[in-house]
């Protein structure tokens, strides 16, 4: 249960940060969490492909998820055009 709670917190923070970075892509709290969680999976996968990972526990997880969420929002924005 603690892992789920941590994923929701990290996802919410990462989604919110990604919304700030990608101006005009802010969403509701629920969508921020969803974007952040998907971004965390995407960011973790990308780091794995490059053979690296961010250390730092919670802060590293938030940074990884934020990078993935920014990429996700960028891709969705490109596909909508």
N, C-alpha and C. Protein backbone atom coordinates (compact mmCIF):
# COMPACT_ATOMS: atom_id res chain seq x y z
N UNK A 1 0.82 -1.19 0.00
CA UNK A 1 0.00 0.00 0.00
C UNK A 1 0.87 1.26 0.00
N UNK A 2 2.02 1.20 0.66
CA UNK A 2 2.90 2.37 0.70
C UNK A 2 3.46 2.70 -0.67
N UNK A 3 3.72 1.66 -1.48
CA UNK A 3 4.23 1.88 -2.83
C UNK A 3 3.22 2.60 -3.70
N UNK A 4 1.95 2.24 -3.56
CA UNK A 4 0.89 2.90 -4.32
C UNK A 4 0.78 4.37 -3.91
N UNK A 5 0.83 4.61 -2.62
CA UNK A 5 0.75 5.98 -2.12
C UNK A 5 1.92 6.81 -2.62
N UNK A 6 3.12 6.23 -2.59
CA UNK A 6 4.31 6.94 -3.09
C UNK A 6 4.20 7.22 -4.58
N UNK A 7 3.68 6.25 -5.35
CA UNK A 7 3.51 6.45 -6.79
C UNK A 7 2.52 7.58 -7.06
N UNK A 8 1.46 7.66 -6.28
CA UNK A 8 0.48 8.73 -6.47
C UNK A 8 1.07 10.10 -6.13
N UNK A 9 1.86 10.16 -5.07
CA UNK A 9 2.49 11.43 -4.69
C UNK A 9 3.51 11.85 -5.74
N UNK A 10 4.39 10.93 -6.12
CA UNK A 10 5.41 11.24 -7.14
C UNK A 10 4.73 11.60 -8.45
N UNK A 11 3.71 10.85 -8.84
CA UNK A 11 2.98 11.14 -10.07
C UNK A 11 2.33 12.51 -10.06
N UNK A 12 1.73 12.86 -8.94
CA UNK A 12 1.09 14.17 -8.83
C UNK A 12 2.07 15.31 -8.95
N UNK A 13 3.19 15.18 -8.25
CA UNK A 13 4.22 16.23 -8.30
C UNK A 13 4.81 16.32 -9.70
N UNK A 14 5.14 15.17 -10.29
CA UNK A 14 5.75 15.16 -11.63
C UNK A 14 4.78 15.70 -12.68
N UNK A 15 3.52 15.31 -12.60
CA UNK A 15 2.53 15.82 -13.55
C UNK A 15 2.34 17.32 -13.43
N UNK A 16 2.32 17.81 -12.19
CA UNK A 16 2.18 19.24 -11.95
C UNK A 16 3.38 19.99 -12.51
N UNK A 17 4.60 19.50 -12.22
CA UNK A 17 5.81 20.13 -12.73
C UNK A 17 5.85 20.11 -14.26
N UNK A 18 5.46 18.99 -14.85
CA UNK A 18 5.45 18.89 -16.31
C UNK A 18 4.46 19.88 -16.90
N UNK A 19 3.32 20.06 -16.25
CA UNK A 19 2.34 21.03 -16.71
C UNK A 19 2.88 22.46 -16.66
N UNK A 20 3.69 22.75 -15.63
CA UNK A 20 4.31 24.07 -15.54
C UNK A 20 5.37 24.26 -16.62
N UNK A 21 6.16 23.21 -16.85
CA UNK A 21 7.23 23.29 -17.85
C UNK A 21 6.65 23.42 -19.25
N UNK A 22 5.63 22.62 -19.55
CA UNK A 22 4.99 22.65 -20.87
C UNK A 22 3.78 23.58 -20.79
N UNK A 23 4.03 24.85 -20.79
CA UNK A 23 2.97 25.84 -20.63
C UNK A 23 1.73 25.49 -21.46
N UNK A 24 0.57 25.67 -20.84
CA UNK A 24 -0.68 25.42 -21.55
C UNK A 24 -1.13 23.98 -21.50
N UNK A 25 -0.40 23.11 -20.82
CA UNK A 25 -0.80 21.71 -20.74
C UNK A 25 -1.18 21.31 -19.33
N UNK A 26 -1.58 22.26 -18.51
CA UNK A 26 -2.01 21.96 -17.16
C UNK A 26 -3.35 21.25 -17.18
N UNK A 27 -3.52 20.32 -16.29
CA UNK A 27 -4.76 19.54 -16.23
C UNK A 27 -5.25 19.50 -14.80
N UNK A 28 -6.27 18.73 -14.57
CA UNK A 28 -6.80 18.55 -13.23
C UNK A 28 -5.80 17.75 -12.39
N UNK A 29 -6.06 17.68 -11.10
CA UNK A 29 -5.17 16.92 -10.21
C UNK A 29 -5.10 15.47 -10.64
N UNK A 30 -6.24 14.87 -10.97
CA UNK A 30 -6.26 13.47 -11.39
C UNK A 30 -5.44 13.26 -12.66
N UNK A 31 -5.59 14.15 -13.63
CA UNK A 31 -4.82 14.01 -14.87
C UNK A 31 -3.33 14.24 -14.62
N UNK A 32 -2.99 15.16 -13.71
CA UNK A 32 -1.58 15.35 -13.36
C UNK A 32 -0.99 14.06 -12.80
N UNK A 33 -1.74 13.37 -11.94
CA UNK A 33 -1.26 12.12 -11.36
C UNK A 33 -1.08 11.08 -12.46
N UNK A 34 -2.05 10.96 -13.35
CA UNK A 34 -1.98 9.97 -14.43
C UNK A 34 -0.79 10.28 -15.35
N UNK A 35 -0.65 11.54 -15.75
CA UNK A 35 0.46 11.93 -16.62
C UNK A 35 1.80 11.68 -15.91
N UNK A 36 1.86 11.98 -14.62
CA UNK A 36 3.08 11.78 -13.87
C UNK A 36 3.45 10.31 -13.72
N UNK A 37 2.47 9.45 -13.48
CA UNK A 37 2.75 8.02 -13.35
C UNK A 37 3.19 7.44 -14.69
N UNK A 38 2.49 7.78 -15.76
CA UNK A 38 2.90 7.31 -17.08
C UNK A 38 4.28 7.89 -17.43
N UNK A 39 4.50 9.14 -17.06
CA UNK A 39 5.81 9.75 -17.28
C UNK A 39 6.91 9.04 -16.50
N UNK A 40 6.60 8.58 -15.30
CA UNK A 40 7.58 7.84 -14.51
C UNK A 40 7.97 6.54 -15.18
N UNK A 41 6.98 5.85 -15.73
CA UNK A 41 7.27 4.61 -16.46
C UNK A 41 8.09 4.91 -17.71
N UNK A 42 7.69 5.95 -18.44
CA UNK A 42 8.42 6.34 -19.66
C UNK A 42 9.84 6.79 -19.34
N UNK A 43 9.99 7.61 -18.32
CA UNK A 43 11.31 8.09 -17.93
C UNK A 43 12.21 6.94 -17.46
N UNK A 44 11.67 6.03 -16.68
CA UNK A 44 12.44 4.87 -16.23
C UNK A 44 12.87 4.00 -17.39
N UNK A 45 11.97 3.82 -18.35
CA UNK A 45 12.30 3.02 -19.53
C UNK A 45 13.40 3.69 -20.35
N UNK A 46 13.31 5.01 -20.52
CA UNK A 46 14.33 5.73 -21.28
C UNK A 46 15.70 5.63 -20.60
N UNK A 47 15.73 5.82 -19.30
CA UNK A 47 17.01 5.69 -18.59
C UNK A 47 17.58 4.30 -18.74
N UNK A 48 16.72 3.29 -18.71
CA UNK A 48 17.17 1.91 -18.89
C UNK A 48 17.75 1.70 -20.29
N UNK A 49 17.14 2.30 -21.31
CA UNK A 49 17.64 2.17 -22.68
C UNK A 49 19.03 2.78 -22.84
N UNK A 50 19.30 3.84 -22.10
CA UNK A 50 20.60 4.48 -22.16
C UNK A 50 21.60 3.88 -21.18
N UNK A 51 21.16 2.88 -20.42
CA UNK A 51 22.05 2.20 -19.48
C UNK A 51 22.43 3.04 -18.28
N UNK A 52 21.54 3.91 -17.86
CA UNK A 52 21.82 4.78 -16.72
C UNK A 52 20.59 4.86 -15.84
N UNK A 53 20.71 5.47 -14.72
CA UNK A 53 19.58 5.69 -13.82
C UNK A 53 19.92 6.85 -12.89
N UNK A 54 18.90 7.55 -12.45
CA UNK A 54 19.10 8.62 -11.48
C UNK A 54 19.03 8.02 -10.09
N UNK A 55 19.99 8.33 -9.28
CA UNK A 55 19.97 7.93 -7.88
C UNK A 55 19.32 9.05 -7.09
N UNK A 56 19.02 8.82 -5.87
CA UNK A 56 18.51 9.90 -5.04
C UNK A 56 17.14 9.63 -4.45
N UNK A 57 16.67 8.41 -4.52
CA UNK A 57 15.42 8.06 -3.87
C UNK A 57 14.23 8.83 -4.42
N UNK A 58 13.55 9.51 -3.53
CA UNK A 58 12.32 10.22 -3.89
C UNK A 58 12.60 11.35 -4.88
N UNK A 59 13.64 12.11 -4.66
CA UNK A 59 13.96 13.23 -5.56
C UNK A 59 14.31 12.69 -6.95
N UNK A 60 15.10 11.63 -7.02
CA UNK A 60 15.43 11.03 -8.31
C UNK A 60 14.20 10.51 -9.03
N UNK A 61 13.27 9.93 -8.26
CA UNK A 61 12.02 9.45 -8.85
C UNK A 61 11.19 10.59 -9.42
N UNK A 62 11.13 11.69 -8.69
CA UNK A 62 10.36 12.85 -9.16
C UNK A 62 10.99 13.43 -10.42
N UNK A 63 12.31 13.52 -10.45
CA UNK A 63 13.00 14.05 -11.64
C UNK A 63 12.78 13.14 -12.84
N UNK A 64 12.92 11.83 -12.63
CA UNK A 64 12.70 10.86 -13.72
C UNK A 64 11.28 10.95 -14.24
N UNK A 65 10.31 10.98 -13.33
CA UNK A 65 8.90 11.04 -13.73
C UNK A 65 8.59 12.36 -14.42
N UNK A 66 9.18 13.45 -13.97
CA UNK A 66 8.93 14.76 -14.59
C UNK A 66 9.48 14.78 -16.01
N UNK A 67 10.69 14.26 -16.21
CA UNK A 67 11.26 14.20 -17.56
C UNK A 67 10.37 13.36 -18.47
N UNK A 68 9.94 12.21 -17.98
CA UNK A 68 9.04 11.37 -18.78
C UNK A 68 7.71 12.03 -19.06
N UNK A 69 7.17 12.75 -18.08
CA UNK A 69 5.89 13.42 -18.26
C UNK A 69 6.00 14.57 -19.26
N UNK A 70 7.11 15.30 -19.22
CA UNK A 70 7.33 16.37 -20.20
C UNK A 70 7.39 15.78 -21.61
N UNK A 71 8.13 14.68 -21.75
CA UNK A 71 8.19 14.02 -23.06
C UNK A 71 6.82 13.53 -23.51
N UNK A 72 6.06 12.99 -22.58
CA UNK A 72 4.71 12.52 -22.90
C UNK A 72 3.82 13.66 -23.37
N UNK A 73 3.84 14.78 -22.65
CA UNK A 73 3.03 15.93 -23.06
C UNK A 73 3.50 16.49 -24.40
N UNK A 74 4.80 16.49 -24.64
CA UNK A 74 5.32 16.95 -25.92
C UNK A 74 4.82 16.06 -27.05
N UNK A 75 4.91 14.72 -26.84
CA UNK A 75 4.45 13.78 -27.87
C UNK A 75 2.96 13.93 -28.15
N UNK A 76 2.17 14.05 -27.10
CA UNK A 76 0.72 14.22 -27.28
C UNK A 76 0.43 15.52 -28.02
N UNK A 77 1.16 16.59 -27.69
CA UNK A 77 0.98 17.85 -28.40
C UNK A 77 1.32 17.75 -29.87
N UNK A 78 2.36 16.99 -30.18
CA UNK A 78 2.75 16.79 -31.58
C UNK A 78 1.72 15.97 -32.34
N UNK A 79 1.17 14.96 -31.69
CA UNK A 79 0.18 14.10 -32.34
C UNK A 79 -1.14 14.81 -32.59
N UNK A 80 -1.45 15.79 -31.75
CA UNK A 80 -2.71 16.53 -31.92
C UNK A 80 -2.66 17.49 -33.09
N UNK A 81 -1.48 17.86 -33.54
CA UNK A 81 -1.35 18.81 -34.64
C UNK A 81 -1.67 18.19 -35.93
